[in-house]
Amino acid sequence: METRPLRQQGEGLNLDLTKIKQNSIQDIEIIDLTGNGDNILALNIHDVIDITNDNNIVRVSGESGDKVVSAGWRDTGTDKVVDGITYDVFKDSSDATLAELWVDQDIDVAGITADIL
């Protein structure tokens, strides 16, 4: 099955995947927050697992002013570069490492915490 990006179009948008019914969105590997203004993405580890294919990795691209809010992640201190975008790599805080969240370095990651809510 082909993987497609999920794009937010507009400004001041808040995409909260924690409020979307499980398995409503599938085969998404990239979430693009780029738009005319500042956008916010909220998600958790289970959302990453639900929306992705078998690799359980979501890349979030965007620009300065965009923000990701999520709990249960640890910053690996590793960078990945894909298509000219440098991502900070976060892994879930569990010992099993079930999922990864790659966030464009232009995006505010202050809302990504290790605490599980």
PDB file of N, CA and C in Angstrom:
ATOM      1  N   MET A   1       0.843  -1.180   0.000  1.00  0.00           N
ATOM      2  CA  MET A   1       0.000   0.000   0.000  1.00  0.00           C
ATOM      3  C   MET A   1       0.886   1.240   0.000  1.00  0.00           C
ATOM      4  N   GLU A   2       0.510   2.237  -0.752  1.00  0.00           N
ATOM      5  CA  GLU A   2       1.298   3.466  -0.865  1.00  0.00           C
ATOM      6  C   GLU A   2       1.143   4.345   0.371  1.00  0.00           C
ATOM      7  N   THR A   3       2.260   4.903   0.793  1.00  0.00           N
ATOM      8  CA  THR A   3       2.264   5.819   1.928  1.00  0.00           C
ATOM      9  C   THR A   3       2.084   7.236   1.415  1.00  0.00           C
ATOM     10  N   ARG A   4       1.229   7.995   2.077  1.00  0.00           N
ATOM     11  CA  ARG A   4       0.953   9.368   1.669  1.00  0.00           C
ATOM     12  C   ARG A   4       1.242  10.317   2.829  1.00  0.00           C
ATOM     13  N   PRO A   5       1.618  11.559   2.504  1.00  0.00           N
ATOM     14  CA  PRO A   5       1.782  12.542   3.582  1.00  0.00           C
ATOM     15  C   PRO A   5       0.422  13.094   4.001  1.00  0.00           C
ATOM     16  N   LEU A   6       0.325  13.490   5.244  1.00  0.00           N
ATOM     17  CA  LEU A   6      -0.853  14.185   5.757  1.00  0.00           C
ATOM     18  C   LEU A   6      -0.451  15.641   5.874  1.00  0.00           C
ATOM     19  N   ARG A   7      -1.172  16.535   5.180  1.00  0.00           N
ATOM     20  CA  ARG A   7      -0.811  17.955   5.176  1.00  0.00           C
ATOM     21  C   ARG A   7      -1.899  18.793   5.836  1.00  0.00           C
ATOM     22  N   GLN A   8      -1.449  19.721   6.673  1.00  0.00           N
ATOM     23  CA  GLN A   8      -2.341  20.732   7.219  1.00  0.00           C
ATOM     24  C   GLN A   8      -2.261  21.932   6.298  1.00  0.00           C
ATOM     25  N   GLN A   9      -3.391  22.408   5.845  1.00  0.00           N
ATOM     26  CA  GLN A   9      -3.383  23.589   4.997  1.00  0.00           C
ATOM     27  C   GLN A   9      -4.166  24.686   5.694  1.00  0.00           C
ATOM     28  N   GLY A  10      -3.493  25.789   5.924  1.00  0.00           N
ATOM     29  CA  GLY A  10      -4.109  26.899   6.631  1.00  0.00           C
ATOM     30  C   GLY A  10      -3.143  27.436   7.659  1.00  0.00           C
ATOM     31  N   GLU A  11      -3.679  28.190   8.583  1.00  0.00           N
ATOM     32  CA  GLU A  11      -2.830  28.747   9.629  1.00  0.00           C
ATOM     33  C   GLU A  11      -3.545  28.690  10.955  1.00  0.00           C
ATOM     34  N   GLY A  12      -2.755  28.566  12.014  1.00  0.00           N
ATOM     35  CA  GLY A  12      -3.318  28.500  13.364  1.00  0.00           C
ATOM     36  C   GLY A  12      -4.130  27.239  13.591  1.00  0.00           C
ATOM     37  N   LEU A  13      -3.794  26.156  12.882  1.00  0.00           N
ATOM     38  CA  LEU A  13      -4.543  24.912  12.999  1.00  0.00           C
ATOM     39  C   LEU A  13      -3.960  24.041  14.101  1.00  0.00           C
ATOM     40  N   ASN A  14      -4.845  23.290  14.747  1.00  0.00           N
ATOM     41  CA  ASN A  14      -4.446  22.372  15.800  1.00  0.00           C
ATOM     42  C   ASN A  14      -4.935  20.984  15.411  1.00  0.00           C
ATOM     43  N   LEU A  15      -4.022  20.136  14.940  1.00  0.00           N
ATOM     44  CA  LEU A  15      -4.353  18.766  14.576  1.00  0.00           C
ATOM     45  C   LEU A  15      -4.079  17.888  15.783  1.00  0.00           C
ATOM     46  N   ASP A  16      -5.142  17.388  16.403  1.00  0.00           N
ATOM     47  CA  ASP A  16      -5.019  16.571  17.605  1.00  0.00           C
ATOM     48  C   ASP A  16      -5.407  15.139  17.273  1.00  0.00           C
ATOM     49  N   LEU A  17      -4.410  14.324  16.973  1.00  0.00           N
ATOM     50  CA  LEU A  17      -4.664  12.934  16.607  1.00  0.00           C
ATOM     51  C   LEU A  17      -5.141  12.103  17.780  1.00  0.00           C
ATOM     52  N   THR A  18      -4.952  12.583  19.011  1.00  0.00           N
ATOM     53  CA  THR A  18      -5.408  11.836  20.182  1.00  0.00           C
ATOM     54  C   THR A  18      -6.924  11.802  20.271  1.00  0.00           C
ATOM     55  N   LYS A  19      -7.594  12.671  19.537  1.00  0.00           N
ATOM     56  CA  LYS A  19      -9.057  12.744  19.577  1.00  0.00           C
ATOM     57  C   LYS A  19      -9.720  12.075  18.372  1.00  0.00           C
ATOM     58  N   ILE A  20      -8.915  11.484  17.499  1.00  0.00           N
ATOM     59  CA  ILE A  20      -9.441  10.834  16.305  1.00  0.00           C
ATOM     60  C   ILE A  20      -9.582   9.343  16.574  1.00  0.00           C
ATOM     61  N   LYS A  21     -10.688   8.772  16.115  1.00  0.00           N
ATOM     62  CA  LYS A  21     -10.962   7.357  16.311  1.00  0.00           C
ATOM     63  C   LYS A  21      -9.804   6.508  15.778  1.00  0.00           C
ATOM     64  N   GLN A  22      -9.430   5.495  16.560  1.00  0.00           N
ATOM     65  CA  GLN A  22      -8.330   4.609  16.201  1.00  0.00           C
ATOM     66  C   GLN A  22      -8.554   4.012  14.816  1.00  0.00           C
ATOM     67  N   ASN A  23      -7.475   3.941  14.027  1.00  0.00           N
ATOM     68  CA  ASN A  23      -7.465   3.386  12.676  1.00  0.00           C
ATOM     69  C   ASN A  23      -8.268   4.198  11.658  1.00  0.00           C
ATOM     70  N   SER A  24      -8.625   5.441  12.000  1.00  0.00           N
ATOM     71  CA  SER A  24      -9.310   6.314  11.035  1.00  0.00           C
ATOM     72  C   SER A  24      -8.346   6.835   9.984  1.00  0.00           C
ATOM     73  N   ILE A  25      -7.088   6.998  10.363  1.00  0.00           N
ATOM     74  CA  ILE A  25      -6.040   7.464   9.457  1.00  0.00           C
ATOM     75  C   ILE A  25      -5.005   6.353   9.388  1.00  0.00           C
ATOM     76  N   GLN A  26      -4.652   5.939   8.163  1.00  0.00           N
ATOM     77  CA  GLN A  26      -3.692   4.850   8.030  1.00  0.00           C
ATOM     78  C   GLN A  26      -2.692   5.134   6.921  1.00  0.00           C
ATOM     79  N   ASP A  27      -1.556   4.460   7.003  1.00  0.00           N
ATOM     80  CA  ASP A  27      -0.493   4.523   6.013  1.00  0.00           C
ATOM     81  C   ASP A  27       0.050   5.929   5.805  1.00  0.00           C
ATOM     82  N   ILE A  28       0.221   6.648   6.907  1.00  0.00           N
ATOM     83  CA  ILE A  28       0.810   7.988   6.893  1.00  0.00           C
ATOM     84  C   ILE A  28       2.196   7.888   7.523  1.00  0.00           C
ATOM     85  N   GLU A  29       3.189   8.377   6.815  1.00  0.00           N
ATOM     86  CA  GLU A  29       4.559   8.383   7.339  1.00  0.00           C
ATOM     87  C   GLU A  29       5.074   9.806   7.532  1.00  0.00           C
ATOM     88  N   ILE A  30       4.420  10.779   6.898  1.00  0.00           N
ATOM     89  CA  ILE A  30       4.855  12.175   6.978  1.00  0.00           C
ATOM     90  C   ILE A  30       3.650  13.045   7.314  1.00  0.00           C
ATOM     91  N   ILE A  31       3.834  13.927   8.297  1.00  0.00           N
ATOM     92  CA  ILE A  31       2.826  14.940   8.608  1.00  0.00           C
ATOM     93  C   ILE A  31       3.487  16.282   8.357  1.00  0.00           C
ATOM     94  N   ASP A  32       2.888  17.060   7.468  1.00  0.00           N
ATOM     95  CA  ASP A  32       3.453  18.346   7.051  1.00  0.00           C
ATOM     96  C   ASP A  32       2.641  19.474   7.675  1.00  0.00           C
ATOM     97  N   LEU A  33       3.262  20.217   8.594  1.00  0.00           N
ATOM     98  CA  LEU A  33       2.592  21.329   9.270  1.00  0.00           C
ATOM     99  C   LEU A  33       2.792  22.661   8.555  1.00  0.00           C
ATOM    100  N   THR A  34       3.582  22.645   7.477  1.00  0.00           N
ATOM    101  CA  THR A  34       3.898  23.878   6.758  1.00  0.00           C
ATOM    102  C   THR A  34       2.614  24.554   6.285  1.00  0.00           C
ATOM    103  N   GLY A  35       2.527  25.837   6.507  1.00  0.00           N
ATOM    104  CA  GLY A  35       1.359  26.606   6.080  1.00  0.00           C
ATOM    105  C   GLY A  35       1.670  28.082   6.178  1.00  0.00           C
ATOM    106  N   ASN A  36       0.622  28.875   6.196  1.00  0.00           N
ATOM    107  CA  ASN A  36       0.786  30.328   6.254  1.00  0.00           C
ATOM    108  C   ASN A  36       1.037  30.843   7.656  1.00  0.00           C
ATOM    109  N   GLY A  37       0.797  30.030   8.657  1.00  0.00           N
ATOM    110  CA  GLY A  37       0.974  30.479  10.035  1.00  0.00           C
ATOM    111  C   GLY A  37       1.451  29.341  10.906  1.00  0.00           C
ATOM    112  N   ASP A  38       1.337  29.529  12.202  1.00  0.00           N
ATOM    113  CA  ASP A  38       1.802  28.548  13.167  1.00  0.00           C
ATOM    114  C   ASP A  38       0.748  27.467  13.380  1.00  0.00           C
ATOM    115  N   ASN A  39       1.168  26.207  13.256  1.00  0.00           N
ATOM    116  CA  ASN A  39       0.265  25.079  13.430  1.00  0.00           C
ATOM    117  C   ASN A  39       0.785  24.168  14.527  1.00  0.00           C
ATOM    118  N   ILE A  40      -0.133  23.412  15.139  1.00  0.00           N
ATOM    119  CA  ILE A  40       0.202  22.527  16.249  1.00  0.00           C
ATOM    120  C   ILE A  40      -0.254  21.111  15.919  1.00  0.00           C
ATOM    121  N   LEU A  41       0.597  20.141  16.245  1.00  0.00           N
ATOM    122  CA  LEU A  41       0.253  18.731  16.125  1.00  0.00           C
ATOM    123  C   LEU A  41       0.334  18.106  17.503  1.00  0.00           C
ATOM    124  N   ALA A  42      -0.739  17.435  17.921  1.00  0.00           N
ATOM    125  CA  ALA A  42      -0.745  16.671  19.166  1.00  0.00           C
ATOM    126  C   ALA A  42      -0.968  15.202  18.815  1.00  0.00           C
ATOM    127  N   LEU A  43      -0.130  14.348  19.364  1.00  0.00           N
ATOM    128  CA  LEU A  43      -0.270  12.913  19.125  1.00  0.00           C
ATOM    129  C   LEU A  43       0.424  12.159  20.238  1.00  0.00           C
ATOM    130  N   ASN A  44       0.159  10.851  20.293  1.00  0.00           N
ATOM    131  CA  ASN A  44       0.846  10.019  21.269  1.00  0.00           C
ATOM    132  C   ASN A  44       1.445   8.811  20.563  1.00  0.00           C
ATOM    133  N   ILE A  45       2.097   7.962  21.309  1.00  0.00           N
ATOM    134  CA  ILE A  45       2.768   6.803  20.730  1.00  0.00           C
ATOM    135  C   ILE A  45       1.776   5.905  20.010  1.00  0.00           C
ATOM    136  N   HIS A  46       0.608   5.705  20.594  1.00  0.00           N
ATOM    137  CA  HIS A  46      -0.393   4.846  19.965  1.00  0.00           C
ATOM    138  C   HIS A  46      -0.870   5.416  18.641  1.00  0.00           C
ATOM    139  N   ASP A  47      -0.939   6.738  18.539  1.00  0.00           N
ATOM    140  CA  ASP A  47      -1.310   7.368  17.263  1.00  0.00           C
ATOM    141  C   ASP A  47      -0.266   7.057  16.199  1.00  0.00           C
ATOM    142  N   VAL A  48       1.007   7.154  16.560  1.00  0.00           N
ATOM    143  CA  VAL A  48       2.080   6.853  15.609  1.00  0.00           C
ATOM    144  C   VAL A  48       1.945   5.418  15.115  1.00  0.00           C
ATOM    145  N   ILE A  49       1.726   4.497  16.025  1.00  0.00           N
ATOM    146  CA  ILE A  49       1.586   3.085  15.645  1.00  0.00           C
ATOM    147  C   ILE A  49       0.351   2.877  14.775  1.00  0.00           C
ATOM    148  N   ASP A  50      -0.753   3.533  15.105  1.00  0.00           N
ATOM    149  CA  ASP A  50      -2.006   3.367  14.354  1.00  0.00           C
ATOM    150  C   ASP A  50      -1.942   3.925  12.940  1.00  0.00           C
ATOM    151  N   ILE A  51      -1.300   5.074  12.749  1.00  0.00           N
ATOM    152  CA  ILE A  51      -1.365   5.723  11.431  1.00  0.00           C
ATOM    153  C   ILE A  51      -0.284   5.256  10.467  1.00  0.00           C
ATOM    154  N   THR A  52       0.779   4.616  10.979  1.00  0.00           N
ATOM    155  CA  THR A  52       1.889   4.222  10.115  1.00  0.00           C
ATOM    156  C   THR A  52       1.724   2.791   9.628  1.00  0.00           C
ATOM    157  N   ASN A  53       2.617   2.437   8.703  1.00  0.00           N
ATOM    158  CA  ASN A  53       2.671   1.036   8.303  1.00  0.00           C
ATOM    159  C   ASN A  53       3.554   0.302   9.303  1.00  0.00           C
ATOM    160  N   ASP A  54       4.198  -0.748   8.913  1.00  0.00           N
ATOM    161  CA  ASP A  54       4.933  -1.600   9.851  1.00  0.00           C
ATOM    162  C   ASP A  54       6.150  -0.971  10.499  1.00  0.00           C
ATOM    163  N   ASN A  55       6.687   0.131   9.947  1.00  0.00           N
ATOM    164  CA  ASN A  55       7.917   0.668  10.532  1.00  0.00           C
ATOM    165  C   ASN A  55       7.677   1.558  11.752  1.00  0.00           C
ATOM    166  N   ASN A  56       6.448   2.030  11.969  1.00  0.00           N
ATOM    167  CA  ASN A  56       6.086   2.827  13.147  1.00  0.00           C
ATOM    168  C   ASN A  56       6.950   4.066  13.328  1.00  0.00           C
ATOM    169  N   ILE A  57       7.272   4.730  12.209  1.00  0.00           N
ATOM    170  CA  ILE A  57       8.026   5.981  12.236  1.00  0.00           C
ATOM    171  C   ILE A  57       7.194   7.055  11.545  1.00  0.00           C
ATOM    172  N   VAL A  58       7.014   8.179  12.223  1.00  0.00           N
ATOM    173  CA  VAL A  58       6.352   9.342  11.622  1.00  0.00           C
ATOM    174  C   VAL A  58       7.359  10.477  11.570  1.00  0.00           C
ATOM    175  N   ARG A  59       7.465  11.100  10.397  1.00  0.00           N
ATOM    176  CA  ARG A  59       8.275  12.305  10.233  1.00  0.00           C
ATOM    177  C   ARG A  59       7.330  13.498  10.223  1.00  0.00           C
ATOM    178  N   VAL A  60       7.676  14.525  10.989  1.00  0.00           N
ATOM    179  CA  VAL A  60       6.875  15.746  11.034  1.00  0.00           C
ATOM    180  C   VAL A  60       7.720  16.875  10.472  1.00  0.00           C
ATOM    181  N   SER A  61       7.257  17.462   9.380  1.00  0.00           N
ATOM    182  CA  SER A  61       7.969  18.600   8.798  1.00  0.00           C
ATOM    183  C   SER A  61       7.156  19.861   9.037  1.00  0.00           C
ATOM    184  N   GLY A  62       7.850  20.983   9.027  1.00  0.00           N
ATOM    185  CA  GLY A  62       7.182  22.257   9.264  1.00  0.00           C
ATOM    186  C   GLY A  62       8.194  23.372   9.273  1.00  0.00           C
ATOM    187  N   GLU A  63       7.812  24.462   9.920  1.00  0.00           N
ATOM    188  CA  GLU A  63       8.683  25.628   9.949  1.00  0.00           C
ATOM    189  C   GLU A  63       8.637  26.279  11.312  1.00  0.00           C
ATOM    190  N   SER A  64       9.460  27.278  11.496  1.00  0.00           N
ATOM    191  CA  SER A  64       9.518  27.999  12.750  1.00  0.00           C
ATOM    192  C   SER A  64       8.116  28.485  13.131  1.00  0.00           C
ATOM    193  N   GLY A  65       7.738  28.281  14.371  1.00  0.00           N
ATOM    194  CA  GLY A  65       6.412  28.664  14.850  1.00  0.00           C
ATOM    195  C   GLY A  65       5.475  27.474  14.960  1.00  0.00           C
ATOM    196  N   ASP A  66       5.733  26.407  14.179  1.00  0.00           N
ATOM    197  CA  ASP A  66       4.945  25.187  14.314  1.00  0.00           C
ATOM    198  C   ASP A  66       5.396  24.467  15.577  1.00  0.00           C
ATOM    199  N   LYS A  67       4.516  23.598  16.110  1.00  0.00           N
ATOM    200  CA  LYS A  67       4.800  22.967  17.395  1.00  0.00           C
ATOM    201  C   LYS A  67       4.258  21.546  17.412  1.00  0.00           C
ATOM    202  N   VAL A  68       4.994  20.651  18.074  1.00  0.00           N
ATOM    203  CA  VAL A  68       4.525  19.292  18.320  1.00  0.00           C
ATOM    204  C   VAL A  68       4.378  19.112  19.822  1.00  0.00           C
ATOM    205  N   VAL A  69       3.236  18.531  20.231  1.00  0.00           N
ATOM    206  CA  VAL A  69       2.953  18.259  21.632  1.00  0.00           C
ATOM    207  C   VAL A  69       2.708  16.757  21.760  1.00  0.00           C
ATOM    208  N   SER A  70       3.499  16.108  22.602  1.00  0.00           N
ATOM    209  CA  SER A  70       3.350  14.669  22.763  1.00  0.00           C
ATOM    210  C   SER A  70       4.062  14.226  24.029  1.00  0.00           C
ATOM    211  N   ALA A  71       3.589  13.145  24.613  1.00  0.00           N
ATOM    212  CA  ALA A  71       4.189  12.618  25.839  1.00  0.00           C
ATOM    213  C   ALA A  71       4.644  11.182  25.616  1.00  0.00           C
ATOM    214  N   GLY A  72       5.646  10.780  26.379  1.00  0.00           N
ATOM    215  CA  GLY A  72       6.120   9.409  26.345  1.00  0.00           C
ATOM    216  C   GLY A  72       7.286   9.171  25.412  1.00  0.00           C
ATOM    217  N   TRP A  73       8.061  10.226  25.122  1.00  0.00           N
ATOM    218  CA  TRP A  73       9.177  10.123  24.181  1.00  0.00           C
ATOM    219  C   TRP A  73      10.481  10.493  24.856  1.00  0.00           C
ATOM    220  N   ARG A  74      11.567   9.943  24.344  1.00  0.00           N
ATOM    221  CA  ARG A  74      12.896  10.360  24.788  1.00  0.00           C
ATOM    222  C   ARG A  74      13.693  10.803  23.559  1.00  0.00           C
ATOM    223  N   ASP A  75      14.402  11.886  23.712  1.00  0.00           N
ATOM    224  CA  ASP A  75      15.236  12.412  22.633  1.00  0.00           C
ATOM    225  C   ASP A  75      16.477  11.540  22.537  1.00  0.00           C
ATOM    226  N   THR A  76      16.721  10.988  21.353  1.00  0.00           N
ATOM    227  CA  THR A  76      17.873  10.096  21.183  1.00  0.00           C
ATOM    228  C   THR A  76      19.171  10.862  20.994  1.00  0.00           C
ATOM    229  N   GLY A  77      19.074  12.161  20.711  1.00  0.00           N
ATOM    230  CA  GLY A  77      20.266  12.946  20.419  1.00  0.00           C
ATOM    231  C   GLY A  77      20.791  12.690  19.019  1.00  0.00           C
ATOM    232  N   THR A  78      20.018  11.961  18.232  1.00  0.00           N
ATOM    233  CA  THR A  78      20.400  11.607  16.868  1.00  0.00           C
ATOM    234  C   THR A  78      19.647  12.469  15.876  1.00  0.00           C
ATOM    235  N   ASP A  79      20.318  12.847  14.806  1.00  0.00           N
ATOM    236  CA  ASP A  79      19.678  13.569  13.709  1.00  0.00           C
ATOM    237  C   ASP A  79      19.587  12.651  12.498  1.00  0.00           C
ATOM    238  N   LYS A  80      18.520  12.783  11.731  1.00  0.00           N
ATOM    239  CA  LYS A  80      18.357  12.082  10.459  1.00  0.00           C
ATOM    240  C   LYS A  80      18.067  13.139   9.404  1.00  0.00           C
ATOM    241  N   VAL A  81      18.663  13.011   8.238  1.00  0.00           N
ATOM    242  CA  VAL A  81      18.416  13.935   7.137  1.00  0.00           C
ATOM    243  C   VAL A  81      17.719  13.162   6.022  1.00  0.00           C
ATOM    244  N   VAL A  82      16.540  13.648   5.619  1.00  0.00           N
ATOM    245  CA  VAL A  82      15.771  13.048   4.536  1.00  0.00           C
ATOM    246  C   VAL A  82      15.274  14.171   3.642  1.00  0.00           C
ATOM    247  N   ASP A  83      15.559  14.073   2.363  1.00  0.00           N
ATOM    248  CA  ASP A  83      15.116  15.071   1.381  1.00  0.00           C
ATOM    249  C   ASP A  83      15.505  16.493   1.791  1.00  0.00           C
ATOM    250  N   GLY A  84      16.698  16.652   2.366  1.00  0.00           N
ATOM    251  CA  GLY A  84      17.193  17.970   2.737  1.00  0.00           C
ATOM    252  C   GLY A  84      16.652  18.522   4.040  1.00  0.00           C
ATOM    253  N   ILE A  85      15.820  17.756   4.741  1.00  0.00           N
ATOM    254  CA  ILE A  85      15.265  18.185   6.031  1.00  0.00           C
ATOM    255  C   ILE A  85      15.976  17.413   7.137  1.00  0.00           C
ATOM    256  N   THR A  86      16.465  18.154   8.154  1.00  0.00           N
ATOM    257  CA  THR A  86      17.110  17.515   9.296  1.00  0.00           C
ATOM    258  C   THR A  86      16.085  17.340  10.406  1.00  0.00           C
ATOM    259  N   TYR A  87      15.963  16.116  10.877  1.00  0.00           N
ATOM    260  CA  TYR A  87      14.989  15.757  11.905  1.00  0.00           C
ATOM    261  C   TYR A  87      15.689  15.382  13.205  1.00  0.00           C
ATOM    262  N   ASP A  88      15.109  15.792  14.348  1.00  0.00           N
ATOM    263  CA  ASP A  88      15.488  15.268  15.654  1.00  0.00           C
ATOM    264  C   ASP A  88      14.723  13.961  15.829  1.00  0.00           C
ATOM    265  N   VAL A  89      15.396  12.934  16.319  1.00  0.00           N
ATOM    266  CA  VAL A  89      14.769  11.622  16.457  1.00  0.00           C
ATOM    267  C   VAL A  89      14.392  11.371  17.915  1.00  0.00           C
ATOM    268  N   PHE A  90      13.111  11.055  18.129  1.00  0.00           N
ATOM    269  CA  PHE A  90      12.585  10.691  19.436  1.00  0.00           C
ATOM    270  C   PHE A  90      12.108   9.246  19.369  1.00  0.00           C
ATOM    271  N   LYS A  91      12.385   8.473  20.421  1.00  0.00           N
ATOM    272  CA  LYS A  91      11.876   7.100  20.525  1.00  0.00           C
ATOM    273  C   LYS A  91      10.948   7.052  21.721  1.00  0.00           C
ATOM    274  N   ASP A  92       9.997   6.111  21.656  1.00  0.00           N
ATOM    275  CA  ASP A  92       9.092   6.019  22.795  1.00  0.00           C
ATOM    276  C   ASP A  92       9.873   5.633  24.039  1.00  0.00           C
ATOM    277  N   SER A  93       9.352   6.023  25.191  1.00  0.00           N
ATOM    278  CA  SER A  93      10.062   5.856  26.465  1.00  0.00           C
ATOM    279  C   SER A  93      10.062   4.427  26.983  1.00  0.00           C
ATOM    280  N   SER A  94       9.319   3.537  26.343  1.00  0.00           N
ATOM    281  CA  SER A  94       9.279   2.150  26.820  1.00  0.00           C
ATOM    282  C   SER A  94      10.604   1.450  26.527  1.00  0.00           C
ATOM    283  N   ASP A  95      10.841   0.386  27.205  1.00  0.00           N
ATOM    284  CA  ASP A  95      12.052  -0.396  26.966  1.00  0.00           C
ATOM    285  C   ASP A  95      11.994  -1.110  25.611  1.00  0.00           C
ATOM    286  N   ALA A  96      10.786  -1.275  25.065  1.00  0.00           N
ATOM    287  CA  ALA A  96      10.611  -2.047  23.828  1.00  0.00           C
ATOM    288  C   ALA A  96      10.864  -1.221  22.564  1.00  0.00           C
ATOM    289  N   THR A  97      10.879   0.104  22.657  1.00  0.00           N
ATOM    290  CA  THR A  97      11.006   0.999  21.511  1.00  0.00           C
ATOM    291  C   THR A  97      10.037   0.588  20.405  1.00  0.00           C
ATOM    292  N   LEU A  98       8.786   0.922  20.624  1.00  0.00           N
ATOM    293  CA  LEU A  98       7.715   0.556  19.702  1.00  0.00           C
ATOM    294  C   LEU A  98       7.574   1.519  18.536  1.00  0.00           C
ATOM    295  N   ALA A  99       7.981   2.771  18.720  1.00  0.00           N
ATOM    296  CA  ALA A  99       7.737   3.784  17.693  1.00  0.00           C
ATOM    297  C   ALA A  99       8.811   4.864  17.748  1.00  0.00           C
ATOM    298  N   GLU A 100       8.924   5.587  16.610  1.00  0.00           N
ATOM    299  CA  GLU A 100       9.832   6.729  16.536  1.00  0.00           C
ATOM    300  C   GLU A 100       9.078   7.929  15.976  1.00  0.00           C
ATOM    301  N   LEU A 101       9.459   9.097  16.459  1.00  0.00           N
ATOM    302  CA  LEU A 101       8.911  10.365  15.999  1.00  0.00           C
ATOM    303  C   LEU A 101      10.088  11.224  15.559  1.00  0.00           C
ATOM    304  N   TRP A 102      10.126  11.555  14.267  1.00  0.00           N
ATOM    305  CA  TRP A 102      11.189  12.398  13.721  1.00  0.00           C
ATOM    306  C   TRP A 102      10.593  13.773  13.492  1.00  0.00           C
ATOM    307  N   VAL A 103      11.178  14.806  14.099  1.00  0.00           N
ATOM    308  CA  VAL A 103      10.615  16.156  14.040  1.00  0.00           C
ATOM    309  C   VAL A 103      11.619  17.108  13.404  1.00  0.00           C
ATOM    310  N   ASP A 104      11.175  17.799  12.377  1.00  0.00           N
ATOM    311  CA  ASP A 104      11.964  18.816  11.682  1.00  0.00           C
ATOM    312  C   ASP A 104      12.572  19.756  12.723  1.00  0.00           C
ATOM    313  N   GLN A 105      13.860  20.038  12.595  1.00  0.00           N
ATOM    314  CA  GLN A 105      14.537  20.881  13.582  1.00  0.00           C
ATOM    315  C   GLN A 105      14.025  22.312  13.608  1.00  0.00           C
ATOM    316  N   ASP A 106      13.248  22.728  12.621  1.00  0.00           N
ATOM    317  CA  ASP A 106      12.655  24.068  12.637  1.00  0.00           C
ATOM    318  C   ASP A 106      11.449  24.154  13.566  1.00  0.00           C
ATOM    319  N   ILE A 107      10.900  23.024  13.960  1.00  0.00           N
ATOM    320  CA  ILE A 107       9.673  22.963  14.756  1.00  0.00           C
ATOM    321  C   ILE A 107       9.993  23.018  16.252  1.00  0.00           C
ATOM    322  N   ASP A 108       9.127  23.674  17.021  1.00  0.00           N
ATOM    323  CA  ASP A 108       9.243  23.756  18.477  1.00  0.00           C
ATOM    324  C   ASP A 108       8.926  22.381  19.078  1.00  0.00           C
ATOM    325  N   VAL A 109       9.887  21.788  19.783  1.00  0.00           N
ATOM    326  CA  VAL A 109       9.695  20.474  20.390  1.00  0.00           C
ATOM    327  C   VAL A 109       9.617  20.551  21.918  1.00  0.00           C
ATOM    328  N   ALA A 110       9.435  21.750  22.461  1.00  0.00           N
ATOM    329  CA  ALA A 110       9.366  21.903  23.920  1.00  0.00           C
ATOM    330  C   ALA A 110       8.185  21.142  24.504  1.00  0.00           C
ATOM    331  N   GLY A 111       7.162  20.845  23.695  1.00  0.00           N
ATOM    332  CA  GLY A 111       5.982  20.123  24.156  1.00  0.00           C
ATOM    333  C   GLY A 111       6.121  18.614  24.078  1.00  0.00           C
ATOM    334  N   ILE A 112       7.290  18.119  23.674  1.00  0.00           N
ATOM    335  CA  ILE A 112       7.520  16.678  23.635  1.00  0.00           C
ATOM    336  C   ILE A 112       8.209  16.288  24.931  1.00  0.00           C
ATOM    337  N   THR A 113       7.551  15.434  25.705  1.00  0.00           N
ATOM    338  CA  THR A 113       8.067  15.081  27.032  1.00  0.00           C
ATOM    339  C   THR A 113       8.248  13.572  27.174  1.00  0.00           C
ATOM    340  N   ALA A 114       9.021  13.202  28.162  1.00  0.00           N
ATOM    341  CA  ALA A 114       9.230  11.791  28.460  1.00  0.00           C
ATOM    342  C   ALA A 114       8.103  11.221  29.314  1.00  0.00           C
ATOM    343  N   ASP A 115       7.368  12.089  30.006  1.00  0.00           N
ATOM    344  CA  ASP A 115       6.285  11.645  30.866  1.00  0.00           C
ATOM    345  C   ASP A 115       5.129  11.107  30.036  1.00  0.00           C
ATOM    346  N   ILE A 116       4.566  10.011  30.487  1.00  0.00           N
ATOM    347  CA  ILE A 116       3.378   9.458  29.839  1.00  0.00           C
ATOM    348  C   ILE A 116       2.172   9.988  30.587  1.00  0.00           C
ATOM    349  N   LEU A 117       1.279  10.619  29.853  1.00  0.00           N
ATOM    350  CA  LEU A 117       0.091  11.214  30.485  1.00  0.00           C
ATOM    351  C   LEU A 117      -1.037  10.215  30.582  1.00  0.00           C
TER     352      LEU A 117
END
